[in-house]
Amino acid sequence: MPRYFFDLHTDKGVERDDSGSELADMKQVREAQRLLPDLAREEIPEDGDRRSFTVLVTDEDGHPVYSATLNYAGLWLLR
């Protein structure tokens, strides 16, 4: 089975997936989008109101095969 790597990109930098995961097909690769809410939950900004979380999936040769992004935006409504 092919191995895919799921790197997390934020404004703080990149967290590399050094071990990867063996997945049977591209449908499983697309499941990267389901990882984002759990990853982002731990990183909701305390020092700002905007943050983007992107999972970039690459194959064994380092070629990008899928990308998913979740944007967080907080907005004060008090004046």
PDB file of N, CA and C in Angstrom:
ATOM      1  N   MET A   1       0.834  -1.189   0.000  1.00  0.00           N
ATOM      2  CA  MET A   1       0.000   0.000   0.000  1.00  0.00           C
ATOM      3  C   MET A   1       0.877   1.251   0.000  1.00  0.00           C
ATOM      4  N   PRO A   2       0.436   2.281  -0.705  1.00  0.00           N
ATOM      5  CA  PRO A   2       1.203   3.525  -0.722  1.00  0.00           C
ATOM      6  C   PRO A   2       1.156   4.244   0.630  1.00  0.00           C
ATOM      7  N   ARG A   3       2.212   4.982   0.915  1.00  0.00           N
ATOM      8  CA  ARG A   3       2.315   5.757   2.154  1.00  0.00           C
ATOM      9  C   ARG A   3       2.123   7.233   1.825  1.00  0.00           C
ATOM     10  N   TYR A   4       1.328   7.911   2.665  1.00  0.00           N
ATOM     11  CA  TYR A   4       1.061   9.337   2.503  1.00  0.00           C
ATOM     12  C   TYR A   4       1.421  10.066   3.787  1.00  0.00           C
ATOM     13  N   PHE A   5       1.853  11.313   3.626  1.00  0.00           N
ATOM     14  CA  PHE A   5       2.306  12.133   4.744  1.00  0.00           C
ATOM     15  C   PHE A   5       1.390  13.339   4.881  1.00  0.00           C
ATOM     16  N   PHE A   6       0.968  13.621   6.114  1.00  0.00           N
ATOM     17  CA  PHE A   6      -0.004  14.666   6.412  1.00  0.00           C
ATOM     18  C   PHE A   6       0.691  15.771   7.211  1.00  0.00           C
ATOM     19  N   ASP A   7       1.135  16.822   6.533  1.00  0.00           N
ATOM     20  CA  ASP A   7       1.817  17.939   7.182  1.00  0.00           C
ATOM     21  C   ASP A   7       0.813  19.034   7.519  1.00  0.00           C
ATOM     22  N   LEU A   8       0.907  19.570   8.734  1.00  0.00           N
ATOM     23  CA  LEU A   8       0.024  20.643   9.180  1.00  0.00           C
ATOM     24  C   LEU A   8       0.747  21.979   9.035  1.00  0.00           C
ATOM     25  N   HIS A   9       0.135  22.902   8.300  1.00  0.00           N
ATOM     26  CA  HIS A   9       0.696  24.239   8.079  1.00  0.00           C
ATOM     27  C   HIS A   9      -0.185  25.256   8.796  1.00  0.00           C
ATOM     28  N   THR A  10       0.439  26.090   9.642  1.00  0.00           N
ATOM     29  CA  THR A  10      -0.261  27.200  10.298  1.00  0.00           C
ATOM     30  C   THR A  10       0.634  28.423  10.216  1.00  0.00           C
ATOM     31  N   ASP A  11       0.158  29.535  10.751  1.00  0.00           N
ATOM     32  CA  ASP A  11       0.995  30.736  10.773  1.00  0.00           C
ATOM     33  C   ASP A  11       2.185  30.577  11.708  1.00  0.00           C
ATOM     34  N   LYS A  12       2.164  29.547  12.535  1.00  0.00           N
ATOM     35  CA  LYS A  12       3.284  29.273  13.442  1.00  0.00           C
ATOM     36  C   LYS A  12       4.361  28.416  12.788  1.00  0.00           C
ATOM     37  N   GLY A  13       4.062  27.882  11.613  1.00  0.00           N
ATOM     38  CA  GLY A  13       5.036  27.053  10.917  1.00  0.00           C
ATOM     39  C   GLY A  13       4.423  25.754  10.425  1.00  0.00           C
ATOM     40  N   VAL A  14       5.291  24.770  10.222  1.00  0.00           N
ATOM     41  CA  VAL A  14       4.865  23.483   9.675  1.00  0.00           C
ATOM     42  C   VAL A  14       5.205  22.376  10.650  1.00  0.00           C
ATOM     43  N   GLU A  15       4.222  21.523  10.903  1.00  0.00           N
ATOM     44  CA  GLU A  15       4.459  20.310  11.677  1.00  0.00           C
ATOM     45  C   GLU A  15       4.503  19.163  10.680  1.00  0.00           C
ATOM     46  N   ARG A  16       5.696  18.597  10.508  1.00  0.00           N
ATOM     47  CA  ARG A  16       5.901  17.537   9.525  1.00  0.00           C
ATOM     48  C   ARG A  16       5.439  16.190  10.066  1.00  0.00           C
ATOM     49  N   ASP A  17       4.843  15.419   9.191  1.00  0.00           N
ATOM     50  CA  ASP A  17       4.484  14.040   9.476  1.00  0.00           C
ATOM     51  C   ASP A  17       5.629  13.187   8.953  1.00  0.00           C
ATOM     52  N   ASP A  18       6.489  12.729   9.844  1.00  0.00           N
ATOM     53  CA  ASP A  18       7.675  11.979   9.436  1.00  0.00           C
ATOM     54  C   ASP A  18       7.414  10.492   9.227  1.00  0.00           C
ATOM     55  N   SER A  19       6.323   9.985   9.789  1.00  0.00           N
ATOM     56  CA  SER A  19       6.065   8.545   9.670  1.00  0.00           C
ATOM     57  C   SER A  19       5.069   8.212   8.567  1.00  0.00           C
ATOM     58  N   GLY A  20       4.106   9.084   8.315  1.00  0.00           N
ATOM     59  CA  GLY A  20       3.120   8.834   7.273  1.00  0.00           C
ATOM     60  C   GLY A  20       2.137   7.736   7.646  1.00  0.00           C
ATOM     61  N   SER A  21       1.230   7.470   6.724  1.00  0.00           N
ATOM     62  CA  SER A  21       0.210   6.440   6.923  1.00  0.00           C
ATOM     63  C   SER A  21       0.040   5.672   5.618  1.00  0.00           C
ATOM     64  N   GLU A  22      -0.088   4.368   5.746  1.00  0.00           N
ATOM     65  CA  GLU A  22      -0.376   3.550   4.570  1.00  0.00           C
ATOM     66  C   GLU A  22      -1.874   3.564   4.347  1.00  0.00           C
ATOM     67  N   LEU A  23      -2.276   3.977   3.141  1.00  0.00           N
ATOM     68  CA  LEU A  23      -3.692   4.093   2.815  1.00  0.00           C
ATOM     69  C   LEU A  23      -3.986   3.359   1.513  1.00  0.00           C
ATOM     70  N   ALA A  24      -5.159   2.759   1.456  1.00  0.00           N
ATOM     71  CA  ALA A  24      -5.522   1.915   0.323  1.00  0.00           C
ATOM     72  C   ALA A  24      -5.887   2.712  -0.931  1.00  0.00           C
ATOM     73  N   ASP A  25      -6.504   3.888  -0.757  1.00  0.00           N
ATOM     74  CA  ASP A  25      -6.953   4.623  -1.935  1.00  0.00           C
ATOM     75  C   ASP A  25      -7.031   6.119  -1.640  1.00  0.00           C
ATOM     76  N   MET A  26      -7.318   6.895  -2.697  1.00  0.00           N
ATOM     77  CA  MET A  26      -7.360   8.345  -2.572  1.00  0.00           C
ATOM     78  C   MET A  26      -8.545   8.815  -1.732  1.00  0.00           C
ATOM     79  N   LYS A  27      -9.593   8.014  -1.623  1.00  0.00           N
ATOM     80  CA  LYS A  27     -10.721   8.379  -0.765  1.00  0.00           C
ATOM     81  C   LYS A  27     -10.247   8.499   0.681  1.00  0.00           C
ATOM     82  N   GLN A  28      -9.376   7.613   1.105  1.00  0.00           N
ATOM     83  CA  GLN A  28      -8.834   7.686   2.460  1.00  0.00           C
ATOM     84  C   GLN A  28      -7.934   8.901   2.620  1.00  0.00           C
ATOM     85  N   VAL A  29      -7.218   9.275   1.563  1.00  0.00           N
ATOM     86  CA  VAL A  29      -6.376  10.480   1.611  1.00  0.00           C
ATOM     87  C   VAL A  29      -7.253  11.703   1.856  1.00  0.00           C
ATOM     88  N   ARG A  30      -8.389  11.748   1.213  1.00  0.00           N
ATOM     89  CA  ARG A  30      -9.287  12.892   1.353  1.00  0.00           C
ATOM     90  C   ARG A  30      -9.802  13.043   2.779  1.00  0.00           C
ATOM     91  N   GLU A  31      -9.725  12.020   3.564  1.00  0.00           N
ATOM     92  CA  GLU A  31     -10.154  12.087   4.958  1.00  0.00           C
ATOM     93  C   GLU A  31      -9.320  13.099   5.750  1.00  0.00           C
ATOM     94  N   ALA A  32      -8.278  13.642   5.131  1.00  0.00           N
ATOM     95  CA  ALA A  32      -7.469  14.682   5.773  1.00  0.00           C
ATOM     96  C   ALA A  32      -8.350  15.827   6.241  1.00  0.00           C
ATOM     97  N   GLN A  33      -9.396  16.109   5.493  1.00  0.00           N
ATOM     98  CA  GLN A  33     -10.276  17.214   5.868  1.00  0.00           C
ATOM     99  C   GLN A  33     -10.931  16.969   7.213  1.00  0.00           C
ATOM    100  N   ARG A  34     -11.120  15.723   7.587  1.00  0.00           N
ATOM    101  CA  ARG A  34     -11.751  15.402   8.872  1.00  0.00           C
ATOM    102  C   ARG A  34     -10.791  15.594  10.048  1.00  0.00           C
ATOM    103  N   LEU A  35      -9.495  15.638   9.763  1.00  0.00           N
ATOM    104  CA  LEU A  35      -8.503  15.863  10.812  1.00  0.00           C
ATOM    105  C   LEU A  35      -8.486  17.306  11.294  1.00  0.00           C
ATOM    106  N   LEU A  36      -8.824  18.215  10.413  1.00  0.00           N
ATOM    107  CA  LEU A  36      -8.649  19.640  10.699  1.00  0.00           C
ATOM    108  C   LEU A  36      -9.378  20.146  11.938  1.00  0.00           C
ATOM    109  N   PRO A  37     -10.653  19.861  12.147  1.00  0.00           N
ATOM    110  CA  PRO A  37     -11.301  20.397  13.348  1.00  0.00           C
ATOM    111  C   PRO A  37     -10.636  19.941  14.646  1.00  0.00           C
ATOM    112  N   ASP A  38     -10.207  18.688  14.697  1.00  0.00           N
ATOM    113  CA  ASP A  38      -9.541  18.208  15.910  1.00  0.00           C
ATOM    114  C   ASP A  38      -8.194  18.882  16.111  1.00  0.00           C
ATOM    115  N   LEU A  39      -7.442  19.045  15.032  1.00  0.00           N
ATOM    116  CA  LEU A  39      -6.142  19.708  15.133  1.00  0.00           C
ATOM    117  C   LEU A  39      -6.316  21.175  15.510  1.00  0.00           C
ATOM    118  N   ALA A  40      -7.289  21.828  14.913  1.00  0.00           N
ATOM    119  CA  ALA A  40      -7.496  23.256  15.147  1.00  0.00           C
ATOM    120  C   ALA A  40      -8.038  23.526  16.541  1.00  0.00           C
ATOM    121  N   ARG A  41      -8.820  22.613  17.079  1.00  0.00           N
ATOM    122  CA  ARG A  41      -9.434  22.805  18.394  1.00  0.00           C
ATOM    123  C   ARG A  41      -8.374  23.132  19.451  1.00  0.00           C
ATOM    124  N   GLU A  42      -7.231  22.524  19.342  1.00  0.00           N
ATOM    125  CA  GLU A  42      -6.149  22.747  20.304  1.00  0.00           C
ATOM    126  C   GLU A  42      -5.403  24.053  20.039  1.00  0.00           C
ATOM    127  N   GLU A  43      -5.636  24.649  18.883  1.00  0.00           N
ATOM    128  CA  GLU A  43      -4.842  25.809  18.472  1.00  0.00           C
ATOM    129  C   GLU A  43      -5.652  27.088  18.272  1.00  0.00           C
ATOM    130  N   ILE A  44      -6.904  27.125  18.736  1.00  0.00           N
ATOM    131  CA  ILE A  44      -7.687  28.347  18.566  1.00  0.00           C
ATOM    132  C   ILE A  44      -6.897  29.489  19.206  1.00  0.00           C
ATOM    133  N   PRO A  45      -6.667  30.547  18.478  1.00  0.00           N
ATOM    134  CA  PRO A  45      -5.765  31.597  18.958  1.00  0.00           C
ATOM    135  C   PRO A  45      -6.279  32.339  20.186  1.00  0.00           C
ATOM    136  N   GLU A  46      -5.390  32.523  21.147  1.00  0.00           N
ATOM    137  CA  GLU A  46      -5.695  33.339  22.320  1.00  0.00           C
ATOM    138  C   GLU A  46      -5.185  34.755  22.122  1.00  0.00           C
ATOM    139  N   ASP A  47      -4.268  34.905  21.188  1.00  0.00           N
ATOM    140  CA  ASP A  47      -3.615  36.191  20.987  1.00  0.00           C
ATOM    141  C   ASP A  47      -4.051  36.896  19.704  1.00  0.00           C
ATOM    142  N   GLY A  48      -5.061  36.386  19.044  1.00  0.00           N
ATOM    143  CA  GLY A  48      -5.537  36.989  17.808  1.00  0.00           C
ATOM    144  C   GLY A  48      -6.863  36.368  17.423  1.00  0.00           C
ATOM    145  N   ASP A  49      -7.442  36.884  16.372  1.00  0.00           N
ATOM    146  CA  ASP A  49      -8.767  36.424  15.995  1.00  0.00           C
ATOM    147  C   ASP A  49      -8.812  35.718  14.647  1.00  0.00           C
ATOM    148  N   ARG A  50      -7.669  35.443  14.076  1.00  0.00           N
ATOM    149  CA  ARG A  50      -7.647  34.758  12.784  1.00  0.00           C
ATOM    150  C   ARG A  50      -6.522  33.719  12.765  1.00  0.00           C
ATOM    151  N   ARG A  51      -6.851  32.602  12.164  1.00  0.00           N
ATOM    152  CA  ARG A  51      -5.828  31.574  11.976  1.00  0.00           C
ATOM    153  C   ARG A  51      -6.307  30.629  10.886  1.00  0.00           C
ATOM    154  N   SER A  52      -5.386  30.153  10.080  1.00  0.00           N
ATOM    155  CA  SER A  52      -5.676  29.152   9.059  1.00  0.00           C
ATOM    156  C   SER A  52      -4.908  27.881   9.375  1.00  0.00           C
ATOM    157  N   PHE A  53      -5.554  26.762   9.134  1.00  0.00           N
ATOM    158  CA  PHE A  53      -4.960  25.450   9.347  1.00  0.00           C
ATOM    159  C   PHE A  53      -5.057  24.690   8.028  1.00  0.00           C
ATOM    160  N   THR A  54      -3.939  24.267   7.501  1.00  0.00           N
ATOM    161  CA  THR A  54      -3.931  23.533   6.242  1.00  0.00           C
ATOM    162  C   THR A  54      -3.216  22.203   6.434  1.00  0.00           C
ATOM    163  N   VAL A  55      -3.849  21.140   5.972  1.00  0.00           N
ATOM    164  CA  VAL A  55      -3.189  19.841   5.913  1.00  0.00           C
ATOM    165  C   VAL A  55      -2.804  19.621   4.456  1.00  0.00           C
ATOM    166  N   LEU A  56      -1.512  19.439   4.213  1.00  0.00           N
ATOM    167  CA  LEU A  56      -1.006  19.150   2.883  1.00  0.00           C
ATOM    168  C   LEU A  56      -0.570  17.689   2.876  1.00  0.00           C
ATOM    169  N   VAL A  57      -1.183  16.908   2.011  1.00  0.00           N
ATOM    170  CA  VAL A  57      -0.882  15.482   1.921  1.00  0.00           C
ATOM    171  C   VAL A  57       0.050  15.261   0.741  1.00  0.00           C
ATOM    172  N   THR A  58       1.147  14.581   1.009  1.00  0.00           N
ATOM    173  CA  THR A  58       2.094  14.253  -0.051  1.00  0.00           C
ATOM    174  C   THR A  58       2.260  12.734  -0.145  1.00  0.00           C
ATOM    175  N   ASP A  59       2.675  12.287  -1.325  1.00  0.00           N
ATOM    176  CA  ASP A  59       2.907  10.858  -1.505  1.00  0.00           C
ATOM    177  C   ASP A  59       4.343  10.514  -1.108  1.00  0.00           C
ATOM    178  N   GLU A  60       4.732   9.277  -1.332  1.00  0.00           N
ATOM    179  CA  GLU A  60       6.067   8.801  -0.928  1.00  0.00           C
ATOM    180  C   GLU A  60       7.189   9.549  -1.636  1.00  0.00           C
ATOM    181  N   ASP A  61       6.897  10.109  -2.808  1.00  0.00           N
ATOM    182  CA  ASP A  61       7.900  10.848  -3.568  1.00  0.00           C
ATOM    183  C   ASP A  61       7.917  12.336  -3.236  1.00  0.00           C
ATOM    184  N   GLY A  62       7.072  12.750  -2.273  1.00  0.00           N
ATOM    185  CA  GLY A  62       7.026  14.152  -1.876  1.00  0.00           C
ATOM    186  C   GLY A  62       6.126  15.008  -2.743  1.00  0.00           C
ATOM    187  N   HIS A  63       5.363  14.397  -3.638  1.00  0.00           N
ATOM    188  CA  HIS A  63       4.448  15.148  -4.496  1.00  0.00           C
ATOM    189  C   HIS A  63       3.135  15.424  -3.763  1.00  0.00           C
ATOM    190  N   PRO A  64       2.655  16.667  -3.785  1.00  0.00           N
ATOM    191  CA  PRO A  64       1.365  16.972  -3.165  1.00  0.00           C
ATOM    192  C   PRO A  64       0.238  16.243  -3.897  1.00  0.00           C
ATOM    193  N   VAL A  65      -0.671  15.651  -3.120  1.00  0.00           N
ATOM    194  CA  VAL A  65      -1.804  14.953  -3.722  1.00  0.00           C
ATOM    195  C   VAL A  65      -3.145  15.505  -3.231  1.00  0.00           C
ATOM    196  N   TYR A  66      -3.142  16.205  -2.089  1.00  0.00           N
ATOM    197  CA  TYR A  66      -4.397  16.744  -1.558  1.00  0.00           C
ATOM    198  C   TYR A  66      -4.069  17.823  -0.540  1.00  0.00           C
ATOM    199  N   SER A  67      -4.946  18.821  -0.471  1.00  0.00           N
ATOM    200  CA  SER A  67      -4.795  19.891   0.505  1.00  0.00           C
ATOM    201  C   SER A  67      -6.178  20.269   1.018  1.00  0.00           C
ATOM    202  N   ALA A  68      -6.277  20.493   2.323  1.00  0.00           N
ATOM    203  CA  ALA A  68      -7.533  20.939   2.931  1.00  0.00           C
ATOM    204  C   ALA A  68      -7.203  22.063   3.910  1.00  0.00           C
ATOM    205  N   THR A  69      -8.022  23.117   3.911  1.00  0.00           N
ATOM    206  CA  THR A  69      -7.784  24.271   4.774  1.00  0.00           C
ATOM    207  C   THR A  69      -9.031  24.592   5.585  1.00  0.00           C
ATOM    208  N   LEU A  70      -8.802  24.920   6.858  1.00  0.00           N
ATOM    209  CA  LEU A  70      -9.862  25.372   7.753  1.00  0.00           C
ATOM    210  C   LEU A  70      -9.445  26.748   8.255  1.00  0.00           C
ATOM    211  N   ASN A  71     -10.328  27.732   8.109  1.00  0.00           N
ATOM    212  CA  ASN A  71     -10.045  29.091   8.566  1.00  0.00           C
ATOM    213  C   ASN A  71     -10.858  29.392   9.810  1.00  0.00           C
ATOM    214  N   TYR A  72     -10.201  30.016  10.790  1.00  0.00           N
ATOM    215  CA  TYR A  72     -10.869  30.467  11.999  1.00  0.00           C
ATOM    216  C   TYR A  72     -10.824  31.989  11.987  1.00  0.00           C
ATOM    217  N   ALA A  73     -11.974  32.612  12.238  1.00  0.00           N
ATOM    218  CA  ALA A  73     -12.030  34.060  12.350  1.00  0.00           C
ATOM    219  C   ALA A  73     -12.988  34.432  13.472  1.00  0.00           C
ATOM    220  N   GLY A  74     -12.465  35.175  14.445  1.00  0.00           N
ATOM    221  CA  GLY A  74     -13.286  35.709  15.519  1.00  0.00           C
ATOM    222  C   GLY A  74     -13.505  37.189  15.274  1.00  0.00           C
ATOM    223  N   LEU A  75     -14.661  37.679  15.649  1.00  0.00           N
ATOM    224  CA  LEU A  75     -14.985  39.082  15.393  1.00  0.00           C
ATOM    225  C   LEU A  75     -15.687  39.662  16.614  1.00  0.00           C
ATOM    226  N   TRP A  76     -15.097  40.712  17.195  1.00  0.00           N
ATOM    227  CA  TRP A  76     -15.756  41.410  18.309  1.00  0.00           C
ATOM    228  C   TRP A  76     -16.934  42.199  17.773  1.00  0.00           C
ATOM    229  N   LEU A  77     -18.076  42.087  18.445  1.00  0.00           N
ATOM    230  CA  LEU A  77     -19.285  42.793  18.012  1.00  0.00           C
ATOM    231  C   LEU A  77     -19.617  43.975  18.915  1.00  0.00           C
ATOM    232  N   LEU A  78     -18.867  44.135  19.999  1.00  0.00           N
ATOM    233  CA  LEU A  78     -19.080  45.255  20.909  1.00  0.00           C
ATOM    234  C   LEU A  78     -18.365  46.488  20.373  1.00  0.00           C
ATOM    235  N   ARG A  79     -18.975  47.640  20.604  1.00  0.00           N
ATOM    236  CA  ARG A  79     -18.352  48.886  20.165  1.00  0.00           C
ATOM    237  C   ARG A  79     -18.190  49.813  21.318  1.00  0.00           C
TER     238      ARG A  79
END
